[in-house]
Amino acid sequence: MEPTIVTHSRSSIQEG
């Protein structure tokens, strides 16, 4: 479940 958090963090960078 930890990898999911990393993927979410990457999405935030793409949005910003």
N, C-alpha and C. Protein backbone atom coordinates (compact mmCIF):
# COMPACT_ATOMS: atom_id res chain seq x y z
N MET A 1 0.85 -1.21 0.00
CA MET A 1 0.00 0.00 0.00
C MET A 1 0.88 1.25 0.00
N GLU A 2 2.15 1.09 0.35
CA GLU A 2 3.06 2.25 0.37
C GLU A 2 3.30 2.79 -1.05
N PRO A 3 3.49 1.90 -2.03
CA PRO A 3 3.75 2.35 -3.40
C PRO A 3 2.63 3.25 -3.92
N THR A 4 1.41 3.02 -3.44
CA THR A 4 0.27 3.83 -3.89
C THR A 4 0.49 5.29 -3.53
N ILE A 5 1.05 5.52 -2.33
CA ILE A 5 1.28 6.90 -1.88
C ILE A 5 2.31 7.57 -2.80
N VAL A 6 3.30 6.81 -3.22
CA VAL A 6 4.35 7.38 -4.09
C VAL A 6 3.73 7.78 -5.42
N THR A 7 2.83 6.94 -5.94
CA THR A 7 2.19 7.24 -7.23
C THR A 7 1.35 8.51 -7.09
N HIS A 8 0.70 8.64 -5.96
CA HIS A 8 -0.17 9.81 -5.75
C HIS A 8 0.69 11.08 -5.70
N SER A 9 1.85 10.96 -5.08
CA SER A 9 2.75 12.11 -4.97
C SER A 9 3.21 12.55 -6.36
N ARG A 10 3.45 11.60 -7.22
CA ARG A 10 3.91 11.92 -8.58
C ARG A 10 2.81 12.65 -9.34
N SER A 11 1.59 12.22 -9.12
CA SER A 11 0.45 12.85 -9.81
C SER A 11 0.35 14.33 -9.41
N SER A 12 0.64 14.60 -8.16
CA SER A 12 0.57 15.98 -7.66
C SER A 12 1.58 16.85 -8.40
N ILE A 13 2.75 16.30 -8.66
CA ILE A 13 3.80 17.08 -9.36
C ILE A 13 3.35 17.38 -10.79
N GLN A 14 2.69 16.40 -11.41
CA GLN A 14 2.23 16.60 -12.80
C GLN A 14 1.14 17.67 -12.84
N GLU A 15 0.31 17.70 -11.79
CA GLU A 15 -0.78 18.67 -11.76
C GLU A 15 -0.24 20.07 -11.52
N GLY A 16 0.80 20.16 -10.71
CA GLY A 16 1.38 21.46 -10.36
C GLY A 16 2.41 21.86 -11.38
